[in-house]
Amino acid sequence: VKGERAAGLCGDDEESVAAAKAIYAGQPLASLQKRADAVQASAAKG
């Protein structure tokens, strides 16, 4: 969610952040890990 906020894909207000987290709450751990790795890799490249 932090990566999506930085990319402008998610609003910074509390309601938008909570909605974004709720979307990922039911995802398999492996899927979350893969996407988080992609977010961190993108952030590292700027």
All heavy atoms as atom14 arrays in JSON, in Angstrom:
{
  "sequence": "VKGERAAGLCGDDEESVAAAKAIYAGQPLASLQKRADAVQASAAKG",
  "atom14_mask": [
    [1, 1, 1, 1, 1, 1, 1, 0, 0, 0, 0, 0, 0, 0],
    [1, 1, 1, 1, 1, 1, 1, 1, 1, 0, 0, 0, 0, 0],
    [1, 1, 1, 1, 0, 0, 0, 0, 0, 0, 0, 0, 0, 0],
    [1, 1, 1, 1, 1, 1, 1, 1, 1, 0, 0, 0, 0, 0],
    [1, 1, 1, 1, 1, 1, 1, 1, 1, 1, 1, 0, 0, 0],
    [1, 1, 1, 1, 1, 0, 0, 0, 0, 0, 0, 0, 0, 0],
    [1, 1, 1, 1, 1, 0, 0, 0, 0, 0, 0, 0, 0, 0],
    [1, 1, 1, 1, 0, 0, 0, 0, 0, 0, 0, 0, 0, 0],
    [1, 1, 1, 1, 1, 1, 1, 1, 0, 0, 0, 0, 0, 0],
    [1, 1, 1, 1, 1, 1, 0, 0, 0, 0, 0, 0, 0, 0],
    [1, 1, 1, 1, 0, 0, 0, 0, 0, 0, 0, 0, 0, 0],
    [1, 1, 1, 1, 1, 1, 1, 1, 0, 0, 0, 0, 0, 0],
    [1, 1, 1, 1, 1, 1, 1, 1, 0, 0, 0, 0, 0, 0],
    [1, 1, 1, 1, 1, 1, 1, 1, 1, 0, 0, 0, 0, 0],
    [1, 1, 1, 1, 1, 1, 1, 1, 1, 0, 0, 0, 0, 0],
    [1, 1, 1, 1, 1, 1, 0, 0, 0, 0, 0, 0, 0, 0],
    [1, 1, 1, 1, 1, 1, 1, 0, 0, 0, 0, 0, 0, 0],
    [1, 1, 1, 1, 1, 0, 0, 0, 0, 0, 0, 0, 0, 0],
    [1, 1, 1, 1, 1, 0, 0, 0, 0, 0, 0, 0, 0, 0],
    [1, 1, 1, 1, 1, 0, 0, 0, 0, 0, 0, 0, 0, 0],
    [1, 1, 1, 1, 1, 1, 1, 1, 1, 0, 0, 0, 0, 0],
    [1, 1, 1, 1, 1, 0, 0, 0, 0, 0, 0, 0, 0, 0],
    [1, 1, 1, 1, 1, 1, 1, 1, 0, 0, 0, 0, 0, 0],
    [1, 1, 1, 1, 1, 1, 1, 1, 1, 1, 1, 1, 0, 0],
    [1, 1, 1, 1, 1, 0, 0, 0, 0, 0, 0, 0, 0, 0],
    [1, 1, 1, 1, 0, 0, 0, 0, 0, 0, 0, 0, 0, 0],
    [1, 1, 1, 1, 1, 1, 1, 1, 1, 0, 0, 0, 0, 0],
    [1, 1, 1, 1, 1, 1, 1, 0, 0, 0, 0, 0, 0, 0],
    [1, 1, 1, 1, 1, 1, 1, 1, 0, 0, 0, 0, 0, 0],
    [1, 1, 1, 1, 1, 0, 0, 0, 0, 0, 0, 0, 0, 0],
    [1, 1, 1, 1, 1, 1, 0, 0, 0, 0, 0, 0, 0, 0],
    [1, 1, 1, 1, 1, 1, 1, 1, 0, 0, 0, 0, 0, 0],
    [1, 1, 1, 1, 1, 1, 1, 1, 1, 0, 0, 0, 0, 0],
    [1, 1, 1, 1, 1, 1, 1, 1, 1, 0, 0, 0, 0, 0],
    [1, 1, 1, 1, 1, 1, 1, 1, 1, 1, 1, 0, 0, 0],
    [1, 1, 1, 1, 1, 0, 0, 0, 0, 0, 0, 0, 0, 0],
    [1, 1, 1, 1, 1, 1, 1, 1, 0, 0, 0, 0, 0, 0],
    [1, 1, 1, 1, 1, 0, 0, 0, 0, 0, 0, 0, 0, 0],
    [1, 1, 1, 1, 1, 1, 1, 0, 0, 0, 0, 0, 0, 0],
    [1, 1, 1, 1, 1, 1, 1, 1, 1, 0, 0, 0, 0, 0],
    [1, 1, 1, 1, 1, 0, 0, 0, 0, 0, 0, 0, 0, 0],
    [1, 1, 1, 1, 1, 1, 0, 0, 0, 0, 0, 0, 0, 0],
    [1, 1, 1, 1, 1, 0, 0, 0, 0, 0, 0, 0, 0, 0],
    [1, 1, 1, 1, 1, 0, 0, 0, 0, 0, 0, 0, 0, 0],
    [1, 1, 1, 1, 1, 1, 1, 1, 1, 0, 0, 0, 0, 0],
    [1, 1, 1, 1, 0, 0, 0, 0, 0, 0, 0, 0, 0, 0]
  ],
  "atom14_positions": [
    [[0.85, -1.21, 0.0], [0.0, 0.0, 0.0], [0.87, 1.25, 0.0], [0.56, 2.26, -0.67], [-0.95, -0.02, 1.21], [-1.73, 1.29, 1.31], [-1.92, -1.2, 1.1], [0.0, 0.0, 0.0], [0.0, 0.0, 0.0], [0.0, 0.0, 0.0], [0.0, 0.0, 0.0], [0.0, 0.0, 0.0], [0.0, 0.0, 0.0], [0.0, 0.0, 0.0]],
    [[1.97, 1.22, 0.72], [2.89, 2.35, 0.72], [3.41, 2.62, -0.69], [3.51, 3.77, -1.14], [4.05, 2.09, 1.67], [5.02, 3.25, 1.81], [6.1, 2.92, 2.82], [7.1, 4.09, 2.94], [8.17, 3.79, 3.91], [0.0, 0.0, 0.0], [0.0, 0.0, 0.0], [0.0, 0.0, 0.0], [0.0, 0.0, 0.0], [0.0, 0.0, 0.0]],
    [[3.75, 1.53, -1.42], [4.21, 1.68, -2.8], [3.13, 2.24, -3.69], [3.41, 3.07, -4.58], [0.0, 0.0, 0.0], [0.0, 0.0, 0.0], [0.0, 0.0, 0.0], [0.0, 0.0, 0.0], [0.0, 0.0, 0.0], [0.0, 0.0, 0.0], [0.0, 0.0, 0.0], [0.0, 0.0, 0.0], [0.0, 0.0, 0.0], [0.0, 0.0, 0.0]],
    [[1.9, 1.8, -3.5], [0.8, 2.3, -4.32], [0.52, 3.77, -4.03], [0.18, 4.55, -4.93], [-0.45, 1.44, -4.08], [-0.33, 0.03, -4.64], [-1.6, -0.76, -4.49], [-2.52, -0.28, -3.8], [-1.69, -1.86, -5.07], [0.0, 0.0, 0.0], [0.0, 0.0, 0.0], [0.0, 0.0, 0.0], [0.0, 0.0, 0.0], [0.0, 0.0, 0.0]],
    [[0.66, 4.15, -2.77], [0.48, 5.57, -2.43], [1.56, 6.42, -3.09], [1.28, 7.49, -3.66], [0.53, 5.75, -0.91], [-0.68, 5.17, -0.18], [-0.48, 5.18, 1.32], [-0.36, 6.55, 1.84], [0.0, 6.85, 3.08], [0.31, 5.86, 3.91], [0.08, 8.11, 3.46], [0.0, 0.0, 0.0], [0.0, 0.0, 0.0], [0.0, 0.0, 0.0]],
    [[2.81, 5.9, -3.07], [3.91, 6.63, -3.69], [3.73, 6.73, -5.19], [4.15, 7.71, -5.83], [5.23, 5.96, -3.36], [0.0, 0.0, 0.0], [0.0, 0.0, 0.0], [0.0, 0.0, 0.0], [0.0, 0.0, 0.0], [0.0, 0.0, 0.0], [0.0, 0.0, 0.0], [0.0, 0.0, 0.0], [0.0, 0.0, 0.0], [0.0, 0.0, 0.0]],
    [[3.09, 5.7, -5.78], [2.88, 5.69, -7.23], [1.62, 6.43, -7.63], [1.29, 6.52, -8.81], [2.82, 4.26, -7.73], [0.0, 0.0, 0.0], [0.0, 0.0, 0.0], [0.0, 0.0, 0.0], [0.0, 0.0, 0.0], [0.0, 0.0, 0.0], [0.0, 0.0, 0.0], [0.0, 0.0, 0.0], [0.0, 0.0, 0.0], [0.0, 0.0, 0.0]],
    [[0.91, 6.93, -6.66], [-0.33, 7.65, -6.95], [-1.49, 6.74, -7.24], [-2.51, 7.19, -7.8], [0.0, 0.0, 0.0], [0.0, 0.0, 0.0], [0.0, 0.0, 0.0], [0.0, 0.0, 0.0], [0.0, 0.0, 0.0], [0.0, 0.0, 0.0], [0.0, 0.0, 0.0], [0.0, 0.0, 0.0], [0.0, 0.0, 0.0], [0.0, 0.0, 0.0]],
    [[-1.37, 5.47, -6.88], [-2.44, 4.52, -7.15], [-3.45, 4.45, -6.01], [-4.46, 3.78, -6.13], [-1.85, 3.13, -7.38], [-0.81, 3.01, -8.49], [-0.3, 1.58, -8.57], [-1.39, 3.44, -9.81], [0.0, 0.0, 0.0], [0.0, 0.0, 0.0], [0.0, 0.0, 0.0], [0.0, 0.0, 0.0], [0.0, 0.0, 0.0], [0.0, 0.0, 0.0]],
    [[-3.11, 5.09, -4.91], [-3.98, 5.04, -3.74], [-3.92, 6.39, -3.04], [-2.84, 7.02, -2.96], [-3.51, 3.92, -2.81], [-4.34, 3.9, -1.2], [0.0, 0.0, 0.0], [0.0, 0.0, 0.0], [0.0, 0.0, 0.0], [0.0, 0.0, 0.0], [0.0, 0.0, 0.0], [0.0, 0.0, 0.0], [0.0, 0.0, 0.0], [0.0, 0.0, 0.0]],
    [[-5.04, 6.84, -2.56], [-5.07, 8.1, -1.84], [-4.36, 8.02, -0.5], [-4.15, 6.91, 0.02], [0.0, 0.0, 0.0], [0.0, 0.0, 0.0], [0.0, 0.0, 0.0], [0.0, 0.0, 0.0], [0.0, 0.0, 0.0], [0.0, 0.0, 0.0], [0.0, 0.0, 0.0], [0.0, 0.0, 0.0], [0.0, 0.0, 0.0], [0.0, 0.0, 0.0]],
    [[-4.02, 9.17, 0.07], [-3.32, 9.18, 1.35], [-4.25, 9.29, 2.55], [-3.79, 9.19, 3.69], [-2.33, 10.36, 1.38], [-1.17, 10.14, 0.41], [-0.81, 8.97, 0.19], [-0.64, 11.13, -0.11], [0.0, 0.0, 0.0], [0.0, 0.0, 0.0], [0.0, 0.0, 0.0], [0.0, 0.0, 0.0], [0.0, 0.0, 0.0], [0.0, 0.0, 0.0]],
    [[-5.52, 9.51, 2.28], [-6.44, 9.66, 3.41], [-6.69, 8.29, 4.06], [-6.47, 7.24, 3.47], [-7.77, 10.26, 2.94], [-8.45, 9.38, 1.89], [-8.01, 9.45, 0.71], [-9.37, 8.62, 2.26], [0.0, 0.0, 0.0], [0.0, 0.0, 0.0], [0.0, 0.0, 0.0], [0.0, 0.0, 0.0], [0.0, 0.0, 0.0], [0.0, 0.0, 0.0]],
    [[-7.14, 8.35, 5.3], [-7.31, 7.14, 6.1], [-8.26, 6.15, 5.46], [-8.01, 4.93, 5.46], [-7.81, 7.53, 7.5], [-7.92, 6.36, 8.47], [-8.33, 6.79, 9.86], [-8.17, 7.99, 10.18], [-8.81, 5.93, 10.63], [0.0, 0.0, 0.0], [0.0, 0.0, 0.0], [0.0, 0.0, 0.0], [0.0, 0.0, 0.0], [0.0, 0.0, 0.0]],
    [[-9.34, 6.63, 4.88], [-10.34, 5.74, 4.27], [-9.76, 5.01, 3.06], [-9.97, 3.81, 2.88], [-11.56, 6.56, 3.86], [-12.69, 5.71, 3.28], [-13.93, 6.53, 2.95], [-13.93, 7.75, 3.26], [-14.88, 5.96, 2.39], [0.0, 0.0, 0.0], [0.0, 0.0, 0.0], [0.0, 0.0, 0.0], [0.0, 0.0, 0.0], [0.0, 0.0, 0.0]],
    [[-8.98, 5.72, 2.24], [-8.39, 5.11, 1.05], [-7.36, 4.05, 1.44], [-7.29, 2.98, 0.84], [-7.74, 6.18, 0.17], [-8.7, 7.1, -0.3], [0.0, 0.0, 0.0], [0.0, 0.0, 0.0], [0.0, 0.0, 0.0], [0.0, 0.0, 0.0], [0.0, 0.0, 0.0], [0.0, 0.0, 0.0], [0.0, 0.0, 0.0], [0.0, 0.0, 0.0]],
    [[-6.55, 4.35, 2.45], [-5.53, 3.4, 2.9], [-6.19, 2.14, 3.46], [-5.78, 1.02, 3.17], [-4.62, 4.05, 3.95], [-3.7, 2.99, 4.58], [-3.8, 5.17, 3.33], [0.0, 0.0, 0.0], [0.0, 0.0, 0.0], [0.0, 0.0, 0.0], [0.0, 0.0, 0.0], [0.0, 0.0, 0.0], [0.0, 0.0, 0.0], [0.0, 0.0, 0.0]],
    [[-7.25, 2.32, 4.27], [-7.95, 1.17, 4.85], [-8.59, 0.32, 3.77], [-8.56, -0.92, 3.83], [-9.01, 1.65, 5.84], [0.0, 0.0, 0.0], [0.0, 0.0, 0.0], [0.0, 0.0, 0.0], [0.0, 0.0, 0.0], [0.0, 0.0, 0.0], [0.0, 0.0, 0.0], [0.0, 0.0, 0.0], [0.0, 0.0, 0.0], [0.0, 0.0, 0.0]],
    [[-9.16, 0.97, 2.74], [-9.78, 0.22, 1.65], [-8.74, -0.57, 0.87], [-8.96, -1.72, 0.48], [-10.53, 1.18, 0.72], [0.0, 0.0, 0.0], [0.0, 0.0, 0.0], [0.0, 0.0, 0.0], [0.0, 0.0, 0.0], [0.0, 0.0, 0.0], [0.0, 0.0, 0.0], [0.0, 0.0, 0.0], [0.0, 0.0, 0.0], [0.0, 0.0, 0.0]],
    [[-7.57, 0.06, 0.65], [-6.5, -0.63, -0.08], [-6.0, -1.84, 0.71], [-5.77, -2.92, 0.14], [-5.36, 0.34, -0.36], [0.0, 0.0, 0.0], [0.0, 0.0, 0.0], [0.0, 0.0, 0.0], [0.0, 0.0, 0.0], [0.0, 0.0, 0.0], [0.0, 0.0, 0.0], [0.0, 0.0, 0.0], [0.0, 0.0, 0.0], [0.0, 0.0, 0.0]],
    [[-5.84, -1.71, 2.02], [-5.38, -2.83, 2.85], [-6.42, -3.97, 2.88], [-6.06, -5.15, 2.87], [-5.1, -2.36, 4.27], [-3.85, -1.49, 4.39], [-3.59, -1.13, 5.85], [-2.3, -0.32, 5.98], [-2.01, 0.03, 7.38], [0.0, 0.0, 0.0], [0.0, 0.0, 0.0], [0.0, 0.0, 0.0], [0.0, 0.0, 0.0], [0.0, 0.0, 0.0]],
    [[-7.69, -3.59, 2.87], [-8.75, -4.6, 2.89], [-8.73, -5.45, 1.63], [-9.05, -6.65, 1.66], [-10.12, -3.93, 3.05], [0.0, 0.0, 0.0], [0.0, 0.0, 0.0], [0.0, 0.0, 0.0], [0.0, 0.0, 0.0], [0.0, 0.0, 0.0], [0.0, 0.0, 0.0], [0.0, 0.0, 0.0], [0.0, 0.0, 0.0], [0.0, 0.0, 0.0]],
    [[-8.33, -4.82, 0.5], [-8.27, -5.55, -0.76], [-7.25, -6.69, -0.68], [-7.46, -7.78, -1.19], [-7.92, -4.59, -1.93], [-9.1, -3.64, -2.18], [-7.55, -5.37, -3.19], [-8.79, -2.54, -3.16], [0.0, 0.0, 0.0], [0.0, 0.0, 0.0], [0.0, 0.0, 0.0], [0.0, 0.0, 0.0], [0.0, 0.0, 0.0], [0.0, 0.0, 0.0]],
    [[-6.12, -6.43, 0.0], [-5.06, -7.42, 0.07], [-5.2, -8.38, 1.25], [-4.47, -9.36, 1.35], [-3.7, -6.71, 0.18], [-3.31, -6.0, -1.1], [-3.43, -4.62, -1.21], [-2.83, -6.71, -2.19], [-3.09, -3.96, -2.38], [-2.48, -6.06, -3.36], [-2.61, -4.69, -3.45], [-2.26, -4.06, -4.62], [0.0, 0.0, 0.0], [0.0, 0.0, 0.0]],
    [[-6.13, -8.13, 2.16], [-6.23, -8.91, 3.4], [-6.44, -10.41, 3.16], [-5.94, -11.24, 3.9], [-7.35, -8.36, 4.28], [0.0, 0.0, 0.0], [0.0, 0.0, 0.0], [0.0, 0.0, 0.0], [0.0, 0.0, 0.0], [0.0, 0.0, 0.0], [0.0, 0.0, 0.0], [0.0, 0.0, 0.0], [0.0, 0.0, 0.0], [0.0, 0.0, 0.0]],
    [[-7.19, -10.74, 2.11], [-7.5, -12.14, 1.87], [-6.58, -12.83, 0.88], [-6.83, -13.99, 0.5], [0.0, 0.0, 0.0], [0.0, 0.0, 0.0], [0.0, 0.0, 0.0], [0.0, 0.0, 0.0], [0.0, 0.0, 0.0], [0.0, 0.0, 0.0], [0.0, 0.0, 0.0], [0.0, 0.0, 0.0], [0.0, 0.0, 0.0], [0.0, 0.0, 0.0]],
    [[-5.53, -12.14, 0.43], [-4.65, -12.72, -0.58], [-3.7, -13.75, 0.03], [-3.29, -13.63, 1.18], [-3.83, -11.6, -1.24], [-4.66, -10.67, -2.09], [-5.33, -11.41, -3.25], [-4.67, -12.02, -4.08], [-6.65, -11.34, -3.28], [0.0, 0.0, 0.0], [0.0, 0.0, 0.0], [0.0, 0.0, 0.0], [0.0, 0.0, 0.0], [0.0, 0.0, 0.0]],
    [[-3.32, -14.8, -0.74], [-2.34, -15.78, -0.25], [-1.02, -15.09, 0.09], [-0.63, -14.12, -0.55], [-2.18, -16.75, -1.43], [-3.42, -16.58, -2.24], [-3.81, -15.14, -2.09], [0.0, 0.0, 0.0], [0.0, 0.0, 0.0], [0.0, 0.0, 0.0], [0.0, 0.0, 0.0], [0.0, 0.0, 0.0], [0.0, 0.0, 0.0], [0.0, 0.0, 0.0]],
    [[-0.33, -15.63, 1.07], [0.92, -15.04, 1.52], [1.95, -14.98, 0.4], [2.69, -14.0, 0.26], [1.47, -15.84, 2.7], [2.67, -15.24, 3.42], [2.32, -13.89, 4.03], [3.19, -16.19, 4.5], [0.0, 0.0, 0.0], [0.0, 0.0, 0.0], [0.0, 0.0, 0.0], [0.0, 0.0, 0.0], [0.0, 0.0, 0.0], [0.0, 0.0, 0.0]],
    [[2.0, -16.02, -0.43], [2.98, -16.05, -1.52], [2.74, -14.9, -2.5], [3.69, -14.27, -3.0], [2.91, -17.4, -2.23], [0.0, 0.0, 0.0], [0.0, 0.0, 0.0], [0.0, 0.0, 0.0], [0.0, 0.0, 0.0], [0.0, 0.0, 0.0], [0.0, 0.0, 0.0], [0.0, 0.0, 0.0], [0.0, 0.0, 0.0], [0.0, 0.0, 0.0]],
    [[1.47, -14.62, -2.79], [1.14, -13.52, -3.7], [1.54, -12.17, -3.09], [2.06, -11.29, -3.79], [-0.36, -13.53, -4.02], [-0.71, -14.73, -4.67], [0.0, 0.0, 0.0], [0.0, 0.0, 0.0], [0.0, 0.0, 0.0], [0.0, 0.0, 0.0], [0.0, 0.0, 0.0], [0.0, 0.0, 0.0], [0.0, 0.0, 0.0], [0.0, 0.0, 0.0]],
    [[1.28, -12.0, -1.79], [1.65, -10.77, -1.12], [3.17, -10.57, -1.14], [3.67, -9.46, -1.37], [1.14, -10.78, 0.33], [-0.37, -10.75, 0.53], [-0.7, -10.88, 2.01], [-0.97, -9.45, -0.02], [0.0, 0.0, 0.0], [0.0, 0.0, 0.0], [0.0, 0.0, 0.0], [0.0, 0.0, 0.0], [0.0, 0.0, 0.0], [0.0, 0.0, 0.0]],
    [[3.89, -11.67, -0.86], [5.35, -11.58, -0.84], [5.88, -11.17, -2.21], [6.77, -10.31, -2.31], [5.93, -12.93, -0.43], [7.44, -12.93, -0.26], [7.9, -12.11, 0.93], [7.54, -12.41, 2.06], [8.67, -11.05, 0.69], [0.0, 0.0, 0.0], [0.0, 0.0, 0.0], [0.0, 0.0, 0.0], [0.0, 0.0, 0.0], [0.0, 0.0, 0.0]],
    [[5.34, -11.76, -3.27], [5.81, -11.45, -4.63], [5.55, -9.99, -4.99], [6.41, -9.3, -5.55], [5.1, -12.38, -5.62], [5.64, -12.3, -7.05], [4.98, -13.36, -7.91], [5.55, -13.31, -9.33], [4.9, -14.34, -10.2], [0.0, 0.0, 0.0], [0.0, 0.0, 0.0], [0.0, 0.0, 0.0], [0.0, 0.0, 0.0], [0.0, 0.0, 0.0]],
    [[4.37, -9.51, -4.63], [4.04, -8.12, -4.97], [4.84, -7.15, -4.11], [5.29, -6.1, -4.61], [2.54, -7.88, -4.79], [2.11, -6.47, -5.26], [0.65, -6.42, -5.59], [0.28, -5.08, -6.05], [0.51, -4.6, -7.26], [1.13, -5.35, -8.16], [0.14, -3.38, -7.59], [0.0, 0.0, 0.0], [0.0, 0.0, 0.0], [0.0, 0.0, 0.0]],
    [[5.03, -7.46, -2.84], [5.83, -6.58, -1.98], [7.27, -6.5, -2.49], [7.89, -5.42, -2.48], [5.79, -7.09, -0.55], [0.0, 0.0, 0.0], [0.0, 0.0, 0.0], [0.0, 0.0, 0.0], [0.0, 0.0, 0.0], [0.0, 0.0, 0.0], [0.0, 0.0, 0.0], [0.0, 0.0, 0.0], [0.0, 0.0, 0.0], [0.0, 0.0, 0.0]],
    [[7.82, -7.63, -2.95], [9.17, -7.63, -3.51], [9.25, -6.74, -4.73], [10.23, -6.01, -4.92], [9.58, -9.06, -3.88], [9.81, -9.94, -2.65], [9.94, -9.39, -1.55], [9.85, -11.19, -2.81], [0.0, 0.0, 0.0], [0.0, 0.0, 0.0], [0.0, 0.0, 0.0], [0.0, 0.0, 0.0], [0.0, 0.0, 0.0], [0.0, 0.0, 0.0]],
    [[8.19, -6.78, -5.56], [8.17, -5.93, -6.77], [8.11, -4.45, -6.4], [8.77, -3.61, -7.03], [6.97, -6.31, -7.64], [0.0, 0.0, 0.0], [0.0, 0.0, 0.0], [0.0, 0.0, 0.0], [0.0, 0.0, 0.0], [0.0, 0.0, 0.0], [0.0, 0.0, 0.0], [0.0, 0.0, 0.0], [0.0, 0.0, 0.0], [0.0, 0.0, 0.0]],
    [[7.32, -4.13, -5.37], [7.22, -2.74, -4.92], [8.57, -2.24, -4.41], [9.01, -1.14, -4.75], [6.14, -2.61, -3.82], [6.21, -1.23, -3.17], [4.75, -2.84, -4.4], [0.0, 0.0, 0.0], [0.0, 0.0, 0.0], [0.0, 0.0, 0.0], [0.0, 0.0, 0.0], [0.0, 0.0, 0.0], [0.0, 0.0, 0.0], [0.0, 0.0, 0.0]],
    [[9.24, -3.08, -3.62], [10.54, -2.68, -3.07], [11.59, -2.55, -4.17], [12.45, -1.66, -4.13], [10.99, -3.69, -2.02], [10.14, -3.64, -0.75], [10.53, -4.71, 0.26], [10.94, -5.8, -0.11], [10.38, -4.4, 1.54], [0.0, 0.0, 0.0], [0.0, 0.0, 0.0], [0.0, 0.0, 0.0], [0.0, 0.0, 0.0], [0.0, 0.0, 0.0]],
    [[11.52, -3.46, -5.15], [12.47, -3.37, -6.26], [12.26, -2.09, -7.07], [13.21, -1.42, -7.47], [12.31, -4.59, -7.17], [0.0, 0.0, 0.0], [0.0, 0.0, 0.0], [0.0, 0.0, 0.0], [0.0, 0.0, 0.0], [0.0, 0.0, 0.0], [0.0, 0.0, 0.0], [0.0, 0.0, 0.0], [0.0, 0.0, 0.0], [0.0, 0.0, 0.0]],
    [[11.0, -1.72, -7.29], [10.7, -0.49, -8.02], [11.16, 0.73, -7.24], [11.71, 1.69, -7.8], [9.2, -0.4, -8.3], [8.79, -1.46, -9.15], [0.0, 0.0, 0.0], [0.0, 0.0, 0.0], [0.0, 0.0, 0.0], [0.0, 0.0, 0.0], [0.0, 0.0, 0.0], [0.0, 0.0, 0.0], [0.0, 0.0, 0.0], [0.0, 0.0, 0.0]],
    [[10.95, 0.67, -5.91], [11.36, 1.8, -5.07], [12.87, 1.95, -5.08], [13.41, 3.06, -5.08], [10.84, 1.6, -3.65], [0.0, 0.0, 0.0], [0.0, 0.0, 0.0], [0.0, 0.0, 0.0], [0.0, 0.0, 0.0], [0.0, 0.0, 0.0], [0.0, 0.0, 0.0], [0.0, 0.0, 0.0], [0.0, 0.0, 0.0], [0.0, 0.0, 0.0]],
    [[13.59, 0.82, -5.09], [15.05, 0.87, -5.09], [15.59, 1.5, -6.37], [16.64, 2.14, -6.38], [15.62, -0.54, -4.92], [0.0, 0.0, 0.0], [0.0, 0.0, 0.0], [0.0, 0.0, 0.0], [0.0, 0.0, 0.0], [0.0, 0.0, 0.0], [0.0, 0.0, 0.0], [0.0, 0.0, 0.0], [0.0, 0.0, 0.0], [0.0, 0.0, 0.0]],
    [[14.85, 1.33, -7.49], [15.26, 1.9, -8.77], [14.78, 3.35, -8.92], [15.08, 4.01, -9.91], [14.69, 1.08, -9.91], [15.21, -0.36, -9.94], [14.51, -1.15, -11.03], [14.95, -2.61, -11.03], [14.23, -3.39, -12.05], [0.0, 0.0, 0.0], [0.0, 0.0, 0.0], [0.0, 0.0, 0.0], [0.0, 0.0, 0.0], [0.0, 0.0, 0.0]],
    [[14.0, 3.79, -7.97], [13.45, 5.14, -8.04], [12.31, 5.26, -9.02], [11.94, 6.36, -9.44], [0.0, 0.0, 0.0], [0.0, 0.0, 0.0], [0.0, 0.0, 0.0], [0.0, 0.0, 0.0], [0.0, 0.0, 0.0], [0.0, 0.0, 0.0], [0.0, 0.0, 0.0], [0.0, 0.0, 0.0], [0.0, 0.0, 0.0], [0.0, 0.0, 0.0]]
  ]
}
